[in-house]
Amino acid sequence: MPNFHQQVVFKSPSTSVDSYGQETGAETTEATKRATVRQMSGRELAAASQLYSDASWKVICRYDPDLMDSLTWTITYGSKVFEIGNANNVGQRNRMIEFICTEVTDG
């Protein structure tokens, strides 16, 4: 089992509207978890690219059923923001979730 030393925040897009009826674009914090965050390379990156073509990062955390429907969410780790491309219940054992992500860059 990986060491969960990093703290990550799961955020969902908000559907709130301002006084003009426009969506605010704000995000809602859904969960804060301990996780393992690492950049993929080599065979692992090639295999992940078959599931999600822009895959470059892997985030692994303890299983939480609320996180399994998080494909429209983002994961924030320090100053990095990741878009979730795939969520995998590792071995269908309800112990860990493996997120295949791509880093979001501004500009």
N, C-alpha and C. Protein backbone atom coordinates (compact mmCIF):
# COMPACT_ATOMS: atom_id res chain seq x y z
N MET A 1 0.84 -1.18 0.00
CA MET A 1 0.00 0.00 0.00
C MET A 1 0.89 1.24 0.00
N PRO A 2 0.55 2.23 -0.83
CA PRO A 2 1.37 3.44 -0.91
C PRO A 2 1.30 4.26 0.38
N ASN A 3 2.30 5.11 0.54
CA ASN A 3 2.29 6.05 1.66
C ASN A 3 1.48 7.26 1.25
N PHE A 4 0.54 7.66 2.08
CA PHE A 4 -0.31 8.79 1.77
C PHE A 4 0.20 10.02 2.52
N HIS A 5 1.29 10.63 2.01
CA HIS A 5 1.94 11.74 2.69
C HIS A 5 1.48 13.11 2.21
N GLN A 6 0.94 13.20 1.01
CA GLN A 6 0.53 14.49 0.47
C GLN A 6 -0.95 14.76 0.77
N GLN A 7 -1.27 16.02 0.96
CA GLN A 7 -2.67 16.41 1.17
C GLN A 7 -3.21 16.99 -0.12
N VAL A 8 -4.35 16.48 -0.57
CA VAL A 8 -4.99 16.96 -1.79
C VAL A 8 -6.41 17.40 -1.47
N VAL A 9 -6.93 18.29 -2.31
CA VAL A 9 -8.29 18.80 -2.14
C VAL A 9 -9.07 18.50 -3.42
N PHE A 10 -10.22 17.87 -3.26
CA PHE A 10 -11.11 17.58 -4.38
C PHE A 10 -12.13 18.71 -4.47
N LYS A 11 -12.25 19.30 -5.67
CA LYS A 11 -13.17 20.41 -5.86
C LYS A 11 -14.10 20.12 -7.03
N SER A 12 -15.36 20.52 -6.88
CA SER A 12 -16.34 20.35 -7.95
C SER A 12 -16.73 21.72 -8.48
N PRO A 13 -17.10 21.78 -9.76
CA PRO A 13 -17.56 23.06 -10.30
C PRO A 13 -18.89 23.44 -9.65
N SER A 14 -19.02 24.70 -9.31
CA SER A 14 -20.24 25.18 -8.67
C SER A 14 -21.27 25.56 -9.74
N THR A 15 -22.51 25.37 -9.41
CA THR A 15 -23.58 25.75 -10.34
C THR A 15 -24.33 26.98 -9.83
N SER A 16 -23.70 27.73 -8.92
CA SER A 16 -24.36 28.91 -8.38
C SER A 16 -24.35 30.05 -9.41
N VAL A 17 -25.33 30.92 -9.31
CA VAL A 17 -25.45 32.04 -10.24
C VAL A 17 -25.42 33.35 -9.46
N ASP A 18 -24.93 34.40 -10.11
CA ASP A 18 -24.90 35.71 -9.47
C ASP A 18 -26.22 36.44 -9.70
N SER A 19 -26.28 37.70 -9.31
CA SER A 19 -27.52 38.47 -9.41
C SER A 19 -27.94 38.74 -10.86
N TYR A 20 -27.01 38.55 -11.81
CA TYR A 20 -27.32 38.73 -13.22
C TYR A 20 -27.73 37.43 -13.91
N GLY A 21 -27.74 36.34 -13.15
CA GLY A 21 -28.11 35.05 -13.72
C GLY A 21 -26.95 34.32 -14.38
N GLN A 22 -25.73 34.82 -14.25
CA GLN A 22 -24.55 34.20 -14.83
C GLN A 22 -23.94 33.22 -13.83
N GLU A 23 -23.41 32.10 -14.34
CA GLU A 23 -22.71 31.17 -13.45
C GLU A 23 -21.46 31.84 -12.91
N THR A 24 -21.16 31.62 -11.65
CA THR A 24 -20.04 32.32 -11.00
C THR A 24 -18.69 31.71 -11.35
N GLY A 25 -18.64 30.43 -11.72
CA GLY A 25 -17.37 29.79 -12.03
C GLY A 25 -16.59 29.38 -10.79
N ALA A 26 -17.20 29.57 -9.63
CA ALA A 26 -16.53 29.19 -8.38
C ALA A 26 -16.51 27.66 -8.25
N GLU A 27 -15.64 27.19 -7.38
CA GLU A 27 -15.55 25.75 -7.12
C GLU A 27 -15.94 25.49 -5.67
N THR A 28 -16.50 24.32 -5.43
CA THR A 28 -16.89 23.89 -4.10
C THR A 28 -15.93 22.81 -3.64
N THR A 29 -15.37 22.94 -2.45
CA THR A 29 -14.50 21.91 -1.91
C THR A 29 -15.35 20.74 -1.46
N GLU A 30 -15.11 19.57 -2.04
CA GLU A 30 -15.88 18.37 -1.73
C GLU A 30 -15.22 17.51 -0.67
N ALA A 31 -13.88 17.44 -0.71
CA ALA A 31 -13.17 16.59 0.25
C ALA A 31 -11.70 16.99 0.31
N THR A 32 -11.10 16.78 1.46
CA THR A 32 -9.65 16.93 1.64
C THR A 32 -9.15 15.57 2.09
N LYS A 33 -8.18 15.02 1.36
CA LYS A 33 -7.70 13.66 1.63
C LYS A 33 -6.18 13.62 1.65
N ARG A 34 -5.65 12.58 2.28
CA ARG A 34 -4.22 12.26 2.21
C ARG A 34 -4.05 11.34 1.01
N ALA A 35 -3.01 11.56 0.24
CA ALA A 35 -2.84 10.80 -1.01
C ALA A 35 -1.37 10.69 -1.39
N THR A 36 -1.12 9.89 -2.40
CA THR A 36 0.18 9.81 -3.06
C THR A 36 0.01 10.47 -4.42
N VAL A 37 0.85 11.45 -4.73
CA VAL A 37 0.78 12.17 -6.00
C VAL A 37 2.11 11.97 -6.70
N ARG A 38 2.04 11.47 -7.94
CA ARG A 38 3.31 11.31 -8.67
C ARG A 38 3.09 11.41 -10.17
N GLN A 39 4.15 11.83 -10.84
CA GLN A 39 4.12 11.95 -12.29
C GLN A 39 4.45 10.59 -12.90
N MET A 40 3.70 10.21 -13.93
CA MET A 40 3.93 8.91 -14.56
C MET A 40 4.97 9.02 -15.67
N SER A 41 5.60 7.89 -15.96
CA SER A 41 6.57 7.84 -17.05
C SER A 41 6.66 6.42 -17.58
N GLY A 42 7.27 6.27 -18.72
CA GLY A 42 7.54 4.95 -19.30
C GLY A 42 6.30 4.14 -19.61
N ARG A 43 6.35 2.86 -19.27
CA ARG A 43 5.25 1.94 -19.57
C ARG A 43 3.96 2.33 -18.87
N GLU A 44 4.09 2.82 -17.65
CA GLU A 44 2.91 3.23 -16.91
C GLU A 44 2.17 4.37 -17.63
N LEU A 45 2.93 5.31 -18.16
CA LEU A 45 2.34 6.43 -18.89
C LEU A 45 1.70 5.94 -20.19
N ALA A 46 2.36 5.02 -20.87
CA ALA A 46 1.80 4.48 -22.11
C ALA A 46 0.50 3.73 -21.86
N ALA A 47 0.45 2.95 -20.79
CA ALA A 47 -0.76 2.21 -20.45
C ALA A 47 -1.88 3.17 -20.04
N ALA A 48 -1.57 4.18 -19.26
CA ALA A 48 -2.58 5.14 -18.82
C ALA A 48 -3.11 5.96 -19.99
N SER A 49 -2.26 6.22 -20.96
CA SER A 49 -2.68 7.00 -22.13
C SER A 49 -3.75 6.29 -22.95
N GLN A 50 -3.85 4.97 -22.81
CA GLN A 50 -4.90 4.24 -23.51
C GLN A 50 -6.26 4.52 -22.88
N LEU A 51 -6.30 4.82 -21.58
CA LEU A 51 -7.55 5.17 -20.91
C LEU A 51 -7.87 6.65 -21.05
N TYR A 52 -6.84 7.48 -20.97
CA TYR A 52 -7.01 8.93 -20.97
C TYR A 52 -5.80 9.51 -21.69
N SER A 53 -6.01 10.00 -22.90
CA SER A 53 -4.88 10.34 -23.77
C SER A 53 -3.96 11.42 -23.21
N ASP A 54 -4.46 12.33 -22.39
CA ASP A 54 -3.62 13.40 -21.84
C ASP A 54 -3.02 13.05 -20.49
N ALA A 55 -3.12 11.80 -20.09
CA ALA A 55 -2.66 11.37 -18.77
C ALA A 55 -1.18 11.68 -18.55
N SER A 56 -0.87 12.22 -17.38
CA SER A 56 0.54 12.45 -17.03
C SER A 56 0.79 12.32 -15.53
N TRP A 57 -0.27 12.33 -14.72
CA TRP A 57 -0.13 12.24 -13.27
C TRP A 57 -1.03 11.16 -12.72
N LYS A 58 -0.63 10.59 -11.59
CA LYS A 58 -1.43 9.60 -10.88
C LYS A 58 -1.58 10.06 -9.43
N VAL A 59 -2.82 10.05 -8.95
CA VAL A 59 -3.13 10.39 -7.56
C VAL A 59 -3.83 9.18 -6.97
N ILE A 60 -3.31 8.66 -5.86
CA ILE A 60 -3.88 7.48 -5.22
C ILE A 60 -4.28 7.86 -3.80
N CYS A 61 -5.52 7.54 -3.42
CA CYS A 61 -5.97 7.80 -2.05
C CYS A 61 -6.79 6.62 -1.55
N ARG A 62 -7.09 6.63 -0.28
CA ARG A 62 -7.93 5.58 0.29
C ARG A 62 -9.33 5.64 -0.32
N TYR A 63 -9.97 4.50 -0.39
CA TYR A 63 -11.29 4.40 -1.02
C TYR A 63 -12.33 5.24 -0.28
N ASP A 64 -13.09 5.98 -1.05
CA ASP A 64 -14.24 6.73 -0.55
C ASP A 64 -15.27 6.68 -1.67
N PRO A 65 -16.43 6.06 -1.45
CA PRO A 65 -17.41 5.91 -2.53
C PRO A 65 -17.87 7.24 -3.11
N ASP A 66 -17.81 8.31 -2.33
CA ASP A 66 -18.22 9.63 -2.84
C ASP A 66 -17.27 10.16 -3.91
N LEU A 67 -16.04 9.65 -3.95
CA LEU A 67 -15.06 10.12 -4.93
C LEU A 67 -15.16 9.38 -6.26
N MET A 68 -15.90 8.29 -6.31
CA MET A 68 -15.96 7.50 -7.54
C MET A 68 -16.71 8.21 -8.66
N ASP A 69 -17.56 9.16 -8.34
CA ASP A 69 -18.30 9.92 -9.36
C ASP A 69 -17.72 11.32 -9.55
N SER A 70 -16.41 11.42 -9.50
CA SER A 70 -15.76 12.73 -9.47
C SER A 70 -15.11 13.13 -10.79
N LEU A 71 -15.54 12.59 -11.91
CA LEU A 71 -14.84 12.85 -13.16
C LEU A 71 -14.95 14.30 -13.65
N THR A 72 -15.88 15.08 -13.13
CA THR A 72 -15.96 16.49 -13.50
C THR A 72 -15.24 17.38 -12.50
N TRP A 73 -14.65 16.79 -11.48
CA TRP A 73 -13.96 17.53 -10.43
C TRP A 73 -12.50 17.78 -10.79
N THR A 74 -11.86 18.58 -9.96
CA THR A 74 -10.41 18.76 -10.06
C THR A 74 -9.78 18.38 -8.73
N ILE A 75 -8.49 18.09 -8.79
CA ILE A 75 -7.71 17.80 -7.58
C ILE A 75 -6.65 18.89 -7.47
N THR A 76 -6.58 19.51 -6.30
CA THR A 76 -5.57 20.53 -6.06
C THR A 76 -4.54 19.96 -5.10
N TYR A 77 -3.26 20.08 -5.52
CA TYR A 77 -2.14 19.63 -4.68
C TYR A 77 -1.13 20.77 -4.66
N GLY A 78 -1.07 21.48 -3.55
CA GLY A 78 -0.20 22.66 -3.48
C GLY A 78 -0.65 23.68 -4.52
N SER A 79 0.26 24.07 -5.41
CA SER A 79 -0.09 25.03 -6.46
C SER A 79 -0.52 24.34 -7.75
N LYS A 80 -0.47 23.02 -7.78
CA LYS A 80 -0.85 22.27 -8.97
C LYS A 80 -2.34 21.93 -8.96
N VAL A 81 -2.96 21.99 -10.14
CA VAL A 81 -4.36 21.62 -10.29
C VAL A 81 -4.43 20.53 -11.35
N PHE A 82 -5.12 19.44 -11.02
CA PHE A 82 -5.23 18.29 -11.93
C PHE A 82 -6.68 18.09 -12.33
N GLU A 83 -6.89 17.81 -13.60
CA GLU A 83 -8.20 17.44 -14.11
C GLU A 83 -8.27 15.92 -14.12
N ILE A 84 -9.32 15.35 -13.56
CA ILE A 84 -9.46 13.90 -13.45
C ILE A 84 -9.95 13.32 -14.77
N GLY A 85 -9.22 12.34 -15.28
CA GLY A 85 -9.61 11.68 -16.52
C GLY A 85 -10.20 10.31 -16.29
N ASN A 86 -9.78 9.66 -15.22
CA ASN A 86 -10.26 8.31 -14.93
C ASN A 86 -10.11 8.05 -13.43
N ALA A 87 -11.12 7.38 -12.86
CA ALA A 87 -11.07 6.96 -11.46
C ALA A 87 -11.22 5.45 -11.42
N ASN A 88 -10.29 4.76 -10.78
CA ASN A 88 -10.26 3.31 -10.77
C ASN A 88 -10.24 2.79 -9.34
N ASN A 89 -11.22 1.98 -8.99
CA ASN A 89 -11.25 1.29 -7.70
C ASN A 89 -10.28 0.12 -7.85
N VAL A 90 -9.08 0.26 -7.32
CA VAL A 90 -7.98 -0.69 -7.55
C VAL A 90 -8.39 -2.10 -7.11
N GLY A 91 -8.40 -3.01 -8.07
CA GLY A 91 -8.72 -4.40 -7.80
C GLY A 91 -10.15 -4.64 -7.33
N GLN A 92 -11.02 -3.63 -7.45
CA GLN A 92 -12.41 -3.72 -6.98
C GLN A 92 -12.48 -4.16 -5.52
N ARG A 93 -11.48 -3.76 -4.72
CA ARG A 93 -11.41 -4.19 -3.33
C ARG A 93 -11.86 -3.12 -2.34
N ASN A 94 -12.24 -1.95 -2.85
CA ASN A 94 -12.70 -0.85 -2.00
C ASN A 94 -11.67 -0.45 -0.95
N ARG A 95 -10.40 -0.43 -1.36
CA ARG A 95 -9.33 0.00 -0.47
C ARG A 95 -8.65 1.28 -0.96
N MET A 96 -8.46 1.38 -2.28
CA MET A 96 -7.78 2.54 -2.86
C MET A 96 -8.47 2.96 -4.15
N ILE A 97 -8.39 4.25 -4.43
CA ILE A 97 -8.84 4.78 -5.71
C ILE A 97 -7.63 5.39 -6.39
N GLU A 98 -7.47 5.06 -7.66
CA GLU A 98 -6.36 5.56 -8.47
C GLU A 98 -6.95 6.52 -9.49
N PHE A 99 -6.54 7.78 -9.44
CA PHE A 99 -7.01 8.79 -10.38
C PHE A 99 -5.93 9.03 -11.42
N ILE A 100 -6.30 8.94 -12.67
CA ILE A 100 -5.40 9.29 -13.77
C ILE A 100 -5.75 10.71 -14.17
N CYS A 101 -4.76 11.59 -14.13
CA CYS A 101 -5.03 13.03 -14.28
C CYS A 101 -4.09 13.70 -15.28
N THR A 102 -4.48 14.89 -15.66
CA THR A 102 -3.61 15.78 -16.43
C THR A 102 -3.51 17.09 -15.67
N GLU A 103 -2.34 17.72 -15.74
CA GLU A 103 -2.15 18.99 -15.03
C GLU A 103 -2.78 20.11 -15.83
N VAL A 104 -3.54 20.97 -15.15
CA VAL A 104 -4.17 22.13 -15.78
C VAL A 104 -3.21 23.29 -15.68
N THR A 105 -2.94 23.91 -16.82
CA THR A 105 -2.06 25.09 -16.83
C THR A 105 -2.83 26.29 -17.33
N ASP A 106 -2.59 27.42 -16.72
CA ASP A 106 -3.26 28.66 -17.16
C ASP A 106 -2.50 29.25 -18.34
N GLY A 107 -3.28 29.81 -19.25
CA GLY A 107 -2.67 30.53 -20.37
C GLY A 107 -2.49 29.72 -21.52
